[in-house]
Protein backbone atom coordinates (compact mmCIF):
# COMPACT_ATOMS: atom_id res chain seq x y z
CA MET A 1 -61.45 -227.69 17.53
CA PRO A 2 -58.18 -227.28 16.56
CA THR A 3 -59.35 -225.87 12.99
CA LEU A 4 -62.12 -223.59 14.50
CA HIS A 5 -59.47 -221.97 16.50
CA GLY A 6 -59.52 -218.94 14.69
CA ALA A 7 -63.59 -218.79 14.72
CA LEU A 8 -65.61 -215.95 15.25
CA ILE A 9 -67.31 -216.12 18.65
CA GLU A 10 -70.34 -214.16 19.69
CA LEU A 11 -71.35 -214.34 23.45
CA PHE A 12 -74.10 -212.69 24.61
CA GLU A 13 -75.07 -211.44 28.42
CA LEU A 14 -78.70 -210.65 29.40
CA ASP A 15 -78.73 -208.21 32.72
CA LEU A 16 -82.02 -208.62 34.35
CA SER A 17 -80.89 -205.98 37.06
CA ALA A 18 -83.34 -203.57 35.56
CA GLN A 19 -86.25 -206.20 36.44
CA GLY A 20 -84.93 -207.39 39.69
CA GLY A 21 -83.29 -210.05 38.24
CA GLY A 22 -79.39 -211.09 37.89
CA PHE A 23 -77.28 -211.97 34.69
CA ILE A 24 -78.03 -214.85 31.96
CA ARG A 25 -75.58 -215.49 29.49
CA TRP A 26 -75.53 -217.83 26.36
CA HIS A 27 -73.90 -219.04 23.32
CA ASN A 28 -75.19 -220.43 20.22
CA GLY A 29 -73.12 -223.74 20.24
CA SER A 30 -70.99 -225.56 22.27
CA ASN A 31 -67.35 -225.75 23.20
CA GLU A 32 -65.35 -229.00 22.14
CA LEU A 33 -66.42 -231.09 24.59
CA GLY A 34 -70.52 -230.61 23.87
CA ASN A 35 -70.69 -228.10 26.86
CA ASP A 36 -71.40 -224.88 27.80
CA VAL A 37 -68.98 -222.06 26.45
CA VAL A 38 -66.21 -220.86 28.88
CA TRP A 39 -64.64 -217.72 28.22
CA GLY A 40 -62.88 -215.13 31.28
CA GLY A 41 -64.23 -218.17 33.68
CA ILE A 42 -67.80 -217.26 33.18
CA ALA A 43 -70.01 -220.04 31.92
CA TYR A 44 -72.17 -219.27 28.36
CA ALA A 45 -75.26 -221.60 28.26
CA ARG A 46 -76.24 -223.25 24.98
CA MET A 47 -79.03 -221.83 23.73
CA PRO A 48 -80.24 -221.51 19.95
CA VAL A 49 -79.86 -217.62 19.28
CA GLU A 50 -79.72 -215.29 16.37
CA ALA A 51 -78.72 -211.62 16.35
CA SER A 52 -78.80 -209.46 13.31
CA GLY A 53 -78.45 -205.39 12.85
CA PHE A 54 -75.29 -204.62 14.84
CA ASP A 55 -73.75 -202.71 12.26
CA VAL A 56 -73.42 -199.16 12.05
CA SER A 57 -73.76 -196.81 9.04
CA GLY A 58 -72.58 -193.84 8.68
CA ALA A 59 -76.50 -192.62 7.29
CA GLY A 60 -76.96 -191.33 10.83
CA LYS A 61 -79.12 -193.83 12.09
CA LEU A 62 -78.38 -196.17 15.10
CA PRO A 63 -78.95 -199.66 14.75
CA ARG A 64 -81.53 -201.40 16.03
CA PRO A 65 -80.20 -205.11 16.15
CA THR A 66 -83.10 -207.35 16.74
CA ILE A 67 -82.14 -211.17 19.10
CA LYS A 68 -83.88 -214.30 18.29
CA VAL A 69 -84.00 -217.04 21.33
CA ALA A 70 -85.32 -220.59 20.80
CA ASN A 71 -88.52 -220.99 22.90
CA ALA A 72 -88.45 -224.61 23.62
CA ASN A 73 -90.36 -226.07 26.63
CA GLN A 74 -91.99 -222.12 26.95
CA ILE A 75 -88.60 -221.31 28.93
CA VAL A 76 -87.43 -218.38 27.48
CA GLY A 77 -91.56 -217.27 27.26
CA ASN A 78 -91.60 -218.00 30.96
CA LEU A 79 -88.34 -215.66 31.96
CA ALA A 80 -89.89 -212.94 29.85
CA ARG A 81 -93.33 -213.15 31.97
CA GLN A 82 -91.68 -213.16 34.87
CA PHE A 83 -89.30 -209.99 34.51
CA ASN A 84 -92.09 -207.72 31.97
CA ASP A 85 -90.87 -208.92 28.94
CA ILE A 86 -87.39 -207.75 29.86
CA LEU A 87 -88.02 -204.29 29.13
CA GLY A 88 -85.22 -202.26 29.41
CA CYS A 89 -83.02 -204.73 30.23
CA ARG A 90 -79.29 -204.48 29.08
CA VAL A 91 -78.34 -207.03 26.28
CA ILE A 92 -74.46 -207.43 25.52
CA ARG A 93 -73.24 -208.82 22.93
CA ARG A 94 -69.26 -210.01 23.28
CA ARG A 95 -67.26 -211.66 19.95
CA THR A 96 -63.89 -213.08 20.55
CA PHE A 97 -62.22 -215.66 18.46
CA ALA A 98 -62.50 -219.40 19.40
CA LYS A 99 -58.61 -219.26 20.44
CA TYR A 100 -58.96 -217.14 23.40
CA LEU A 101 -61.58 -219.39 25.18
CA ASP A 102 -60.79 -220.84 28.33
CA ALA A 103 -58.57 -223.99 28.15
CA VAL A 104 -61.48 -226.22 29.50
CA ASN A 105 -63.32 -225.99 26.78
CA PHE A 106 -61.01 -228.00 24.85
CA VAL A 107 -59.77 -231.64 24.84
CA SER A 108 -56.19 -230.56 25.08
CA GLY A 109 -56.48 -227.27 26.86
CA ASN A 110 -55.35 -224.00 25.51
CA ALA A 111 -52.39 -221.98 25.86
CA THR A 112 -53.59 -219.22 24.09
CA ALA A 113 -56.20 -218.62 26.21
CA ASP A 114 -57.50 -214.40 27.21
CA PRO A 115 -60.16 -213.42 28.82
CA TYR A 116 -59.37 -209.57 27.92
CA ALA A 117 -58.95 -210.56 24.10
CA GLU A 118 -62.30 -209.48 22.64
CA PHE A 119 -63.81 -206.53 20.26
CA PRO A 120 -65.33 -203.83 21.96
CA PRO A 121 -68.87 -204.64 23.47
CA ASP A 122 -71.94 -203.78 21.75
CA ILE A 123 -74.51 -202.60 24.53
CA PHE A 124 -78.16 -202.34 23.94
CA TYR A 125 -81.01 -202.49 25.59
CA VAL A 126 -84.78 -204.33 24.87
CA ASN A 127 -86.91 -201.87 23.29
CA ARG A 128 -90.08 -204.26 22.93
CA LYS A 129 -90.92 -207.78 22.20
CA SER A 130 -91.77 -208.36 18.56
CA GLN A 131 -92.68 -211.86 18.36
CA GLU A 132 -93.32 -214.72 20.75
CA ASP A 133 -94.61 -218.40 19.99
CA LYS A 134 -94.16 -221.99 20.75
CA GLU A 135 -90.75 -221.29 18.71
CA VAL A 136 -89.18 -218.33 19.03
CA ILE A 137 -89.26 -215.04 20.97
CA ILE A 138 -87.38 -211.84 19.11
CA TRP A 139 -87.02 -208.44 20.68
CA GLU A 140 -85.74 -205.42 19.57
CA LEU A 141 -82.91 -203.25 20.80
CA VAL A 142 -82.06 -200.20 21.04
CA SER A 143 -79.01 -197.94 22.38
CA ALA A 144 -78.99 -196.08 25.08
CA LEU A 145 -79.59 -192.69 23.12
CA ASP A 146 -82.81 -194.41 21.48
CA LEU A 147 -84.59 -195.19 25.13
CA GLN A 148 -87.36 -193.06 25.97
CA GLY A 149 -86.88 -189.73 27.80
CA VAL A 150 -82.79 -190.30 27.03
CA SER A 151 -81.44 -187.13 25.00
CA ILE A 152 -77.76 -185.30 24.31
CA PRO A 153 -77.07 -182.78 26.57
CA LYS A 154 -77.07 -179.33 24.93
CA ARG A 155 -74.14 -177.64 24.89
């Protein structure tokens, strides 16, 4: 992975505590050894995932990103059914560079590993499931301000 050391890495965390579960962490790929990616001592499972719509514009509208996860063997679908379609659960997108991943990700180790080197995390909540089939599940995410019943305090 020496040529990819500068690659931007997206890591996702799904906090199921709102529905009585724990944390699930994943990454759309594997490390140099073909295993789960490890950053800050935490393993992020290999799972095909696509996320889009995190960009913030100056137009005043808050972003409503979507996250599309592979539903091979119905594993994610079963998880969604077990936890009420994960509605209201927090999704955290973390971004760092490959050069900051833990040494266990690389054949030759990594002297530049840094669990604190990351962009500000993007924190959103699952608003609704927009699609589920044998291949994928797509969820629409919203910011905390877009959650139903949440408003900005008046001055």
